[in-house]
C-alpha atoms as a PDB file:
ATOM      1  CA  MET A   1      79.391  90.557  86.129  1.00  0.00           C
ATOM      2  CA  GLU A   2      82.053  92.057  83.810  1.00  0.00           C
ATOM      3  CA  ILE A   3      83.425  95.594  84.076  1.00  0.00           C
ATOM      4  CA  PRO A   4      85.149  96.964  80.938  1.00  0.00           C
ATOM      5  CA  LEU A   5      88.750  98.086  81.251  1.00  0.00           C
ATOM      6  CA  GLY A   6      90.131 101.429  80.123  1.00  0.00           C
ATOM      7  CA  VAL A   7      86.861 103.382  80.448  1.00  0.00           C
ATOM      8  CA  LEU A   8      84.821 105.272  83.044  1.00  0.00           C
ATOM      9  CA  THR A   9      82.161 102.964  84.470  1.00  0.00           C
ATOM     10  CA  VAL A  10      79.472 104.401  86.786  1.00  0.00           C
ATOM     11  CA  VAL A  11      77.561 102.109  89.119  1.00  0.00           C
ATOM     12  CA  THR A  12      74.075 103.516  89.701  1.00  0.00           C
ATOM     13  CA  GLY A  13      70.858 102.692  91.453  1.00  0.00           C
ATOM     14  CA  VAL A  14      68.660 103.959  94.277  1.00  0.00           C
ATOM     15  CA  ALA A  15      70.088 104.124  97.807  1.00  0.00           C
ATOM     16  CA  GLY A  16      70.229 100.635  99.320  1.00  0.00           C
ATOM     17  CA  SER A  17      70.191  98.875  95.944  1.00  0.00           C
ATOM     18  CA  GLY A  18      73.576  97.208  96.554  1.00  0.00           C
ATOM     19  CA  LYS A  19      75.993  99.435  94.674  1.00  0.00           C
ATOM     20  CA  SER A  20      78.673  99.613  97.335  1.00  0.00           C
ATOM     21  CA  SER A  21      78.222  95.935  98.279  1.00  0.00           C
ATOM     22  CA  LEU A  22      78.713  94.861  94.681  1.00  0.00           C
ATOM     23  CA  ILE A  23      81.952  96.826  94.110  1.00  0.00           C
ATOM     24  CA  HIS A  24      83.516  96.780  97.552  1.00  0.00           C
ATOM     25  CA  GLY A  25      82.781  93.111  97.850  1.00  0.00           C
ATOM     26  CA  SER A  26      84.725  92.130  94.780  1.00  0.00           C
ATOM     27  CA  LEU A  27      87.489  94.623  93.867  1.00  0.00           C
ATOM     28  CA  PRO A  28      89.383  95.832  97.002  1.00  0.00           C
ATOM     29  CA  GLY A  29      92.554  93.880  97.759  1.00  0.00           C
ATOM     30  CA  ARG A  30      93.387  93.052  94.188  1.00  0.00           C
ATOM     31  CA  ASP A  31      96.703  94.100  92.707  1.00  0.00           C
ATOM     32  CA  GLY A  32      96.616  97.448  90.960  1.00  0.00           C
ATOM     33  CA  VAL A  33      93.282  98.458  92.495  1.00  0.00           C
ATOM     34  CA  VAL A  34      93.119 101.690  94.510  1.00  0.00           C
ATOM     35  CA  VAL A  35      89.940 102.282  96.497  1.00  0.00           C
ATOM     36  CA  VAL A  36      89.333 105.903  97.378  1.00  0.00           C
ATOM     37  CA  ASP A  37      86.483 106.192  99.943  1.00  0.00           C
ATOM     38  CA  GLN A  38      85.231 108.747 102.454  1.00  0.00           C
ATOM     39  CA  SER A  39      86.534 107.027 105.630  1.00  0.00           C
ATOM     40  CA  ALA A  40      88.460 108.969 108.236  1.00  0.00           C
ATOM     41  CA  ILE A  41      92.123 109.617 107.550  1.00  0.00           C
ATOM     42  CA  ARG A  42      94.454 108.333 110.265  1.00  0.00           C
ATOM     43  CA  GLY A  43      96.590 110.999 111.855  1.00  0.00           C
ATOM     44  CA  SER A  44      97.154 113.215 114.890  1.00  0.00           C
ATOM     45  CA  ARG A  45      95.756 116.580 115.783  1.00  0.00           C
ATOM     46  CA  ARG A  46      98.672 118.044 113.807  1.00  0.00           C
ATOM     47  CA  SER A  47      97.759 116.274 110.576  1.00  0.00           C
ATOM     48  CA  ASN A  48      96.643 118.519 107.724  1.00  0.00           C
ATOM     49  CA  PRO A  49      96.657 118.510 103.877  1.00  0.00           C
ATOM     50  CA  ALA A  50     100.321 119.693 103.823  1.00  0.00           C
ATOM     51  CA  THR A  51     101.503 116.793 105.987  1.00  0.00           C
ATOM     52  CA  TYR A  52      99.199 114.178 104.481  1.00  0.00           C
ATOM     53  CA  THR A  53     100.230 114.857 100.878  1.00  0.00           C
ATOM     54  CA  GLY A  54     103.933 115.287 101.647  1.00  0.00           C
ATOM     55  CA  LEU A  55     103.720 118.908 100.547  1.00  0.00           C
ATOM     56  CA  LEU A  56     105.182 120.119 103.846  1.00  0.00           C
ATOM     57  CA  ASP A  57     108.494 118.382 103.028  1.00  0.00           C
ATOM     58  CA  ALA A  58     108.897 120.608  99.952  1.00  0.00           C
ATOM     59  CA  VAL A  59     107.766 123.692 101.874  1.00  0.00           C
ATOM     60  CA  ARG A  60     110.214 123.048 104.725  1.00  0.00           C
ATOM     61  CA  ALA A  61     113.054 122.532 102.271  1.00  0.00           C
ATOM     62  CA  ALA A  62     112.280 125.800 100.561  1.00  0.00           C
ATOM     63  CA  PHE A  63     112.276 127.732 103.865  1.00  0.00           C
ATOM     64  CA  ALA A  64     115.458 126.030 104.989  1.00  0.00           C
ATOM     65  CA  LYS A  65     117.290 126.905 101.761  1.00  0.00           C
ATOM     66  CA  ALA A  66     116.078 130.524 101.758  1.00  0.00           C
ATOM     67  CA  ASN A  67     117.201 131.090 105.317  1.00  0.00           C
ATOM     68  CA  GLY A  68     120.277 128.839 105.629  1.00  0.00           C
ATOM     69  CA  VAL A  69     118.852 126.908 108.584  1.00  0.00           C
ATOM     70  CA  LYS A  70     117.695 123.324 109.270  1.00  0.00           C
ATOM     71  CA  ALA A  71     114.456 122.106 107.699  1.00  0.00           C
ATOM     72  CA  ALA A  72     113.502 120.613 111.104  1.00  0.00           C
ATOM     73  CA  LEU A  73     112.790 124.128 112.381  1.00  0.00           C
ATOM     74  CA  PHE A  74     109.764 124.320 110.134  1.00  0.00           C
ATOM     75  CA  SER A  75     108.069 121.235 111.475  1.00  0.00           C
ATOM     76  CA  ALA A  76     105.442 121.662 114.125  1.00  0.00           C
ATOM     77  CA  ASN A  77     106.386 118.204 115.378  1.00  0.00           C
ATOM     78  CA  SER A  78     110.053 119.044 115.888  1.00  0.00           C
ATOM     79  CA  GLU A  79     112.439 121.783 116.928  1.00  0.00           C
ATOM     80  CA  GLY A  80     110.373 124.726 115.732  1.00  0.00           C
ATOM     81  CA  ALA A  81     107.224 123.799 117.605  1.00  0.00           C
ATOM     82  CA  CYS A  82     105.754 126.212 120.148  1.00  0.00           C
ATOM     83  CA  PRO A  83     106.643 124.681 123.559  1.00  0.00           C
ATOM     84  CA  ALA A  84     103.383 125.744 125.139  1.00  0.00           C
ATOM     85  CA  CYS A  85     101.034 123.938 122.786  1.00  0.00           C
ATOM     86  CA  LYS A  86     103.637 121.510 121.373  1.00  0.00           C
ATOM     87  CA  GLY A  87     102.978 122.716 117.840  1.00  0.00           C
ATOM     88  CA  ILE A  88      99.215 122.109 117.814  1.00  0.00           C
ATOM     89  CA  GLY A  89      98.216 125.794 118.033  1.00  0.00           C
ATOM     90  CA  LEU A  90      95.607 124.934 120.654  1.00  0.00           C
ATOM     91  CA  VAL A  91      95.741 124.139 124.360  1.00  0.00           C
ATOM     92  CA  TYR A  92      93.366 121.434 125.500  1.00  0.00           C
ATOM     93  CA  THR A  93      91.918 121.468 129.009  1.00  0.00           C
ATOM     94  CA  ASP A  94      90.496 118.265 130.393  1.00  0.00           C
ATOM     95  CA  LEU A  95      87.306 118.923 132.363  1.00  0.00           C
ATOM     96  CA  ALA A  96      87.047 115.478 133.933  1.00  0.00           C
ATOM     97  CA  MET A  97      83.410 114.368 133.548  1.00  0.00           C
ATOM     98  CA  MET A  98      82.676 117.042 130.896  1.00  0.00           C
ATOM     99  CA  ALA A  99      83.936 117.368 127.340  1.00  0.00           C
ATOM    100  CA  GLY A 100      87.361 118.933 127.139  1.00  0.00           C
ATOM    101  CA  VAL A 101      87.844 122.504 125.958  1.00  0.00           C
ATOM    102  CA  ALA A 102      90.275 123.721 123.331  1.00  0.00           C
ATOM    103  CA  ALA A 103      91.601 127.334 123.422  1.00  0.00           C
ATOM    104  CA  VAL A 104      94.037 129.115 121.018  1.00  0.00           C
ATOM    105  CA  CYS A 105      97.502 128.999 122.446  1.00  0.00           C
ATOM    106  CA  GLU A 106      98.353 132.363 123.999  1.00  0.00           C
ATOM    107  CA  GLU A 107     102.073 132.010 123.438  1.00  0.00           C
ATOM    108  CA  CYS A 108     102.031 131.451 119.665  1.00  0.00           C
ATOM    109  CA  ALA A 109      98.533 132.854 118.993  1.00  0.00           C
ATOM    110  CA  GLY A 110      97.645 129.598 117.204  1.00  0.00           C
ATOM    111  CA  ARG A 111     100.576 129.877 114.759  1.00  0.00           C
ATOM    112  CA  ARG A 112     102.137 126.684 116.136  1.00  0.00           C
ATOM    113  CA  TYR A 113     105.758 127.785 115.860  1.00  0.00           C
ATOM    114  CA  THR A 114     108.269 129.626 118.129  1.00  0.00           C
ATOM    115  CA  ALA A 115     108.806 133.326 117.671  1.00  0.00           C
ATOM    116  CA  GLU A 116     112.258 132.648 116.254  1.00  0.00           C
ATOM    117  CA  VAL A 117     110.988 130.334 113.542  1.00  0.00           C
ATOM    118  CA  LEU A 118     108.388 132.973 112.518  1.00  0.00           C
ATOM    119  CA  THR A 119     111.231 135.441 111.789  1.00  0.00           C
ATOM    120  CA  TYR A 120     112.398 133.274 108.914  1.00  0.00           C
ATOM    121  CA  LYS A 121     110.665 134.296 105.682  1.00  0.00           C
ATOM    122  CA  LEU A 122     110.196 132.890 102.200  1.00  0.00           C
ATOM    123  CA  ARG A 123     109.338 135.588  99.680  1.00  0.00           C
ATOM    124  CA  GLY A 124     107.981 137.764 102.531  1.00  0.00           C
ATOM    125  CA  LYS A 125     105.879 135.048 104.241  1.00  0.00           C
ATOM    126  CA  ASP A 126     106.602 133.018 107.382  1.00  0.00           C
ATOM    127  CA  ILE A 127     105.752 129.337 107.641  1.00  0.00           C
ATOM    128  CA  SER A 128     102.470 129.934 109.520  1.00  0.00           C
ATOM    129  CA  GLN A 129     101.284 132.351 106.789  1.00  0.00           C
ATOM    130  CA  VAL A 130     102.067 129.790 104.079  1.00  0.00           C
ATOM    131  CA  LEU A 131     100.156 127.064 105.905  1.00  0.00           C
ATOM    132  CA  ALA A 132      97.210 129.417 106.191  1.00  0.00           C
ATOM    133  CA  MET A 133      97.044 129.808 102.423  1.00  0.00           C
ATOM    134  CA  PRO A 134      94.309 128.011 100.446  1.00  0.00           C
ATOM    135  CA  VAL A 135      95.623 125.685  97.719  1.00  0.00           C
ATOM    136  CA  ALA A 136      94.722 128.151  94.922  1.00  0.00           C
ATOM    137  CA  GLU A 137      96.808 130.923  96.524  1.00  0.00           C
ATOM    138  CA  ALA A 138      99.698 128.552  97.333  1.00  0.00           C
ATOM    139  CA  ARG A 139      99.878 127.555  93.621  1.00  0.00           C
ATOM    140  CA  GLU A 140     100.694 131.141  92.812  1.00  0.00           C
ATOM    141  CA  PHE A 141     103.248 131.312  95.671  1.00  0.00           C
ATOM    142  CA  PHE A 142     105.025 128.068  94.461  1.00  0.00           C
ATOM    143  CA  PRO A 143     105.102 128.450  90.672  1.00  0.00           C
ATOM    144  CA  SER A 144     107.269 125.373  90.083  1.00  0.00           C
ATOM    145  CA  GLY A 145     108.942 122.369  91.687  1.00  0.00           C
ATOM    146  CA  GLN A 146     107.611 119.521  93.806  1.00  0.00           C
ATOM    147  CA  ALA A 147     105.404 121.819  95.847  1.00  0.00           C
ATOM    148  CA  ARG A 148     103.633 123.043  92.753  1.00  0.00           C
ATOM    149  CA  THR A 149     103.214 119.452  91.506  1.00  0.00           C
ATOM    150  CA  VAL A 150     101.380 118.457  94.721  1.00  0.00           C
ATOM    151  CA  LEU A 151      99.291 121.641  94.725  1.00  0.00           C
ATOM    152  CA  ASP A 152      98.254 121.028  91.140  1.00  0.00           C
ATOM    153  CA  ARG A 153      96.914 117.603  92.115  1.00  0.00           C
ATOM    154  CA  LEU A 154      94.920 119.124  94.969  1.00  0.00           C
ATOM    155  CA  ALA A 155      93.452 121.740  92.606  1.00  0.00           C
ATOM    156  CA  ASP A 156      92.655 118.977  90.072  1.00  0.00           C
ATOM    157  CA  VAL A 157      90.430 117.195  92.611  1.00  0.00           C
ATOM    158  CA  GLY A 158      88.499 120.398  93.439  1.00  0.00           C
ATOM    159  CA  LEU A 159      90.273 121.277  96.675  1.00  0.00           C
ATOM    160  CA  GLY A 160      91.535 124.679  95.621  1.00  0.00           C
ATOM    161  CA  TYR A 161      89.828 126.339  98.567  1.00  0.00           C
ATOM    162  CA  LEU A 162      91.346 124.084 101.243  1.00  0.00           C
ATOM    163  CA  ARG A 163      93.927 125.633 103.570  1.00  0.00           C
ATOM    164  CA  LEU A 164      97.248 123.817 103.616  1.00  0.00           C
ATOM    165  CA  GLY A 165      97.297 123.721 107.429  1.00  0.00           C
ATOM    166  CA  GLN A 166      93.630 122.947 108.017  1.00  0.00           C
ATOM    167  CA  PRO A 167      93.243 120.045 110.454  1.00  0.00           C
ATOM    168  CA  LEU A 168      92.162 116.835 108.771  1.00  0.00           C
ATOM    169  CA  THR A 169      89.486 116.368 111.448  1.00  0.00           C
ATOM    170  CA  THR A 170      87.544 119.337 109.942  1.00  0.00           C
ATOM    171  CA  LEU A 171      87.233 117.761 106.459  1.00  0.00           C
ATOM    172  CA  SER A 172      84.026 116.282 105.190  1.00  0.00           C
ATOM    173  CA  GLY A 173      83.780 112.791 103.831  1.00  0.00           C
ATOM    174  CA  GLY A 174      83.858 114.038 100.249  1.00  0.00           C
ATOM    175  CA  GLU A 175      86.895 116.244 100.951  1.00  0.00           C
ATOM    176  CA  ARG A 176      88.758 113.304 102.552  1.00  0.00           C
ATOM    177  CA  GLN A 177      88.056 111.179  99.492  1.00  0.00           C
ATOM    178  CA  ARG A 178      89.345 113.792  97.062  1.00  0.00           C
ATOM    179  CA  LEU A 179      92.442 114.357  99.268  1.00  0.00           C
ATOM    180  CA  LYS A 180      93.175 110.607  99.120  1.00  0.00           C
ATOM    181  CA  LEU A 181      92.679 110.658  95.349  1.00  0.00           C
ATOM    182  CA  ALA A 182      95.213 113.514  95.060  1.00  0.00           C
ATOM    183  CA  VAL A 183      97.765 111.376  96.907  1.00  0.00           C
ATOM    184  CA  HIS A 184      97.084 108.274  94.783  1.00  0.00           C
ATOM    185  CA  MET A 185      97.510 110.313  91.621  1.00  0.00           C
ATOM    186  CA  ALA A 186     101.174 110.517  92.475  1.00  0.00           C
ATOM    187  CA  GLY A 187     101.509 106.757  91.832  1.00  0.00           C
ATOM    188  CA  LYS A 188     100.302 104.496  89.126  1.00  0.00           C
ATOM    189  CA  ALA A 189      97.184 102.332  89.557  1.00  0.00           C
ATOM    190  CA  ASP A 190      95.389 100.190  87.048  1.00  0.00           C
ATOM    191  CA  VAL A 191      91.930 100.621  88.537  1.00  0.00           C
ATOM    192  CA  TYR A 192      90.514 103.517  90.584  1.00  0.00           C
ATOM    193  CA  VAL A 193      87.402 102.978  92.629  1.00  0.00           C
ATOM    194  CA  LEU A 194      85.589 106.078  93.949  1.00  0.00           C
ATOM    195  CA  ASP A 195      82.478 106.073  96.143  1.00  0.00           C
ATOM    196  CA  GLU A 196      80.212 109.100  95.498  1.00  0.00           C
ATOM    197  CA  PRO A 197      83.055 111.580  94.884  1.00  0.00           C
ATOM    198  CA  THR A 198      80.650 114.475  94.113  1.00  0.00           C
ATOM    199  CA  THR A 199      79.444 114.623  97.764  1.00  0.00           C
ATOM    200  CA  GLY A 200      79.601 118.227  98.843  1.00  0.00           C
ATOM    201  CA  LEU A 201      80.964 119.480  95.494  1.00  0.00           C
ATOM    202  CA  HIS A 202      79.830 122.748  93.979  1.00  0.00           C
ATOM    203  CA  PRO A 203      78.275 122.119  90.499  1.00  0.00           C
ATOM    204  CA  ALA A 204      81.209 123.904  88.871  1.00  0.00           C
ATOM    205  CA  ASP A 205      83.620 121.564  90.574  1.00  0.00           C
ATOM    206  CA  VAL A 206      81.736 118.508  89.298  1.00  0.00           C
ATOM    207  CA  ASP A 207      82.900 119.405  85.760  1.00  0.00           C
ATOM    208  CA  GLN A 208      86.435 119.706  87.072  1.00  0.00           C
ATOM    209  CA  LEU A 209      86.163 116.266  88.669  1.00  0.00           C
ATOM    210  CA  LEU A 210      84.893 114.764  85.427  1.00  0.00           C
ATOM    211  CA  GLY A 211      87.861 116.223  83.606  1.00  0.00           C
ATOM    212  CA  LEU A 212      90.141 114.539  86.137  1.00  0.00           C
ATOM    213  CA  LEU A 213      88.412 111.199  85.712  1.00  0.00           C
ATOM    214  CA  ASP A 214      88.815 111.536  81.922  1.00  0.00           C
ATOM    215  CA  ARG A 215      92.529 112.148  82.412  1.00  0.00           C
ATOM    216  CA  LEU A 216      92.862 109.055  84.502  1.00  0.00           C
ATOM    217  CA  VAL A 217      91.222 107.045  81.760  1.00  0.00           C
ATOM    218  CA  ASP A 218      93.223 108.702  79.018  1.00  0.00           C
ATOM    219  CA  ALA A 219      96.427 107.710  80.936  1.00  0.00           C
ATOM    220  CA  GLY A 220      95.373 104.056  80.627  1.00  0.00           C
ATOM    221  CA  GLY A 221      93.419 103.642  83.861  1.00  0.00           C
ATOM    222  CA  THR A 222      90.105 102.100  84.547  1.00  0.00           C
ATOM    223  CA  VAL A 223      87.799 104.219  86.682  1.00  0.00           C
ATOM    224  CA  ILE A 224      84.794 102.851  88.517  1.00  0.00           C
ATOM    225  CA  VAL A 225      82.559 105.352  90.282  1.00  0.00           C
ATOM    226  CA  ILE A 226      79.638 104.560  92.589  1.00  0.00           C
ATOM    227  CA  GLU A 227      77.469 107.618  92.039  1.00  0.00           C
ATOM    228  CA  HIS A 228      74.006 109.120  92.003  1.00  0.00           C
ATOM    229  CA  HIS A 229      74.835 112.422  90.389  1.00  0.00           C
ATOM    230  CA  GLN A 230      73.212 112.619  86.976  1.00  0.00           C
ATOM    231  CA  ALA A 231      76.013 114.625  85.355  1.00  0.00           C
ATOM    232  CA  VAL A 232      78.432 111.790  86.174  1.00  0.00           C
ATOM    233  CA  MET A 233      76.068 109.201  84.837  1.00  0.00           C
ATOM    234  CA  ALA A 234      75.600 111.087  81.589  1.00  0.00           C
ATOM    235  CA  HIS A 235      79.375 111.408  81.261  1.00  0.00           C
ATOM    236  CA  ALA A 236      80.088 107.712  81.717  1.00  0.00           C
ATOM    237  CA  ASP A 237      81.302 105.383  79.024  1.00  0.00           C
ATOM    238  CA  TRP A 238      79.481 102.453  80.642  1.00  0.00           C
ATOM    239  CA  ILE A 239      76.739 102.164  83.259  1.00  0.00           C
ATOM    240  CA  ILE A 240      75.907  99.330  85.592  1.00  0.00           C
ATOM    241  CA  ASP A 241      72.448  99.950  87.136  1.00  0.00           C
ATOM    242  CA  LEU A 242      71.285  98.051  90.174  1.00  0.00           C
ATOM    243  CA  GLY A 243      67.770  97.607  91.460  1.00  0.00           C
ATOM    244  CA  PRO A 244      64.958  97.514  90.771  1.00  0.00           C
ATOM    245  CA  GLY A 245      64.467  98.955  94.296  1.00  0.00           C
ATOM    246  CA  ALA A 246      66.228  99.040  97.662  1.00  0.00           C
ATOM    247  CA  GLY A 247      66.850  96.481 100.310  1.00  0.00           C
ATOM    248  CA  HIS A 248      65.111  93.207  99.487  1.00  0.00           C
ATOM    249  CA  ASP A 249      64.015  94.731  96.179  1.00  0.00           C
ATOM    250  CA  GLY A 250      67.594  95.503  95.183  1.00  0.00           C
ATOM    251  CA  GLY A 251      70.780  93.625  94.520  1.00  0.00           C
ATOM    252  CA  ARG A 252      70.190  92.755  90.885  1.00  0.00           C
ATOM    253  CA  VAL A 253      71.895  94.229  87.771  1.00  0.00           C
ATOM    254  CA  VAL A 254      68.913  95.690  85.918  1.00  0.00           C
ATOM    255  CA  TYR A 255      70.932  97.346  83.138  1.00  0.00           C
ATOM    256  CA  THR A 256      74.443  97.264  81.819  1.00  0.00           C
ATOM    257  CA  GLY A 257      75.527  99.300  78.768  1.00  0.00           C
ATOM    258  CA  THR A 258      76.069 102.837  77.577  1.00  0.00           C
ATOM    259  CA  PRO A 259      74.251 105.865  79.024  1.00  0.00           C
ATOM    260  CA  ALA A 260      72.576 106.397  75.650  1.00  0.00           C
ATOM    261  CA  GLY A 261      71.217 102.848  75.742  1.00  0.00           C
ATOM    262  CA  LEU A 262      69.958 103.344  79.293  1.00  0.00           C
ATOM    263  CA  VAL A 263      68.102 106.462  78.324  1.00  0.00           C
ATOM    264  CA  ALA A 264      66.718 105.044  75.097  1.00  0.00           C
ATOM    265  CA  ASP A 265      65.681 101.538  76.094  1.00  0.00           C
ATOM    266  CA  ALA A 266      65.637 100.938  79.852  1.00  0.00           C
ATOM    267  CA  ASP A 267      62.732 101.500  82.234  1.00  0.00           C
ATOM    268  CA  THR A 268      64.567 101.625  85.550  1.00  0.00           C
ATOM    269  CA  LEU A 269      64.323 104.455  88.084  1.00  0.00           C
ATOM    270  CA  THR A 270      67.792 105.591  87.091  1.00  0.00           C
ATOM    271  CA  ALA A 271      66.795 105.643  83.405  1.00  0.00           C
ATOM    272  CA  ARG A 272      63.759 107.757  84.119  1.00  0.00           C
ATOM    273  CA  HIS A 273      65.739 110.307  86.180  1.00  0.00           C
ATOM    274  CA  LEU A 274      68.577 110.448  83.658  1.00  0.00           C
ATOM    275  CA  ARG A 275      66.060 110.888  80.834  1.00  0.00           C
ATOM    276  CA  ASP A 276      64.548 113.896  82.619  1.00  0.00           C
ATOM    277  CA  TYR A 277      68.027 115.325  83.388  1.00  0.00           C
ATOM    278  CA  ILE A 278      69.134 115.154  79.742  1.00  0.00           C
ATOM    279  CA  ALA A 279      65.832 116.637  78.552  1.00  0.00           C
ATOM    280  CA  SER A 280      66.005 119.575  80.949  1.00  0.00           C
END
């Protein structure tokens, strides 16, 4: 099977038709291919969007410069960490045979830093207040520089509502995938593979995601999306439809071509649903 380069290709088909097996069985591991999936992100309890994206480095540097102190003070893993909770903001109690219990640290009130560190301000905000900001608010707070560049990428992938210090363990699969995409956007890949990136997205954010995929293609990339969302199918340059059914009835390419050709000429389940979507 051939996949065209330099366009947005959407791989479609009913659940269990073999979409993921087809793509993940042939593309990952090749040079220039970035696979952005919904798997868990490795990290500790301290890991959050700010640490994962490298944004915290720019934030720490800004606080250090504004206050004439070391940047290490503004790391919850280093000198500035609350000694009671070790910079986590929570105190975990092991209950032996029962599940452990987490309680907000009484010493720092969940803010993760020592009282001294919280006296240092950047434009009237301490480090814990900045980490509590959602991406959209932080973009206004950091109007330029490296911090703004990272925040713009997070907004581009539809994560404007995510708090900078929100634990990664609280993110959904779709949010983890978009966070990974924001990080990969900092580099240069030839092929981007996304697995159902619209999962959990508000309809308004789907349009924003499509705009981002278009920009990746316009920049010379090849984008392959495994997806069931009809708006993404209709937006594609090329469609590969698997079927005709699921399980033993799947695993075959039943259509390859443009969305217009799928709607006009094909008689697959995907074609019928896309036809209804476009007509509605």
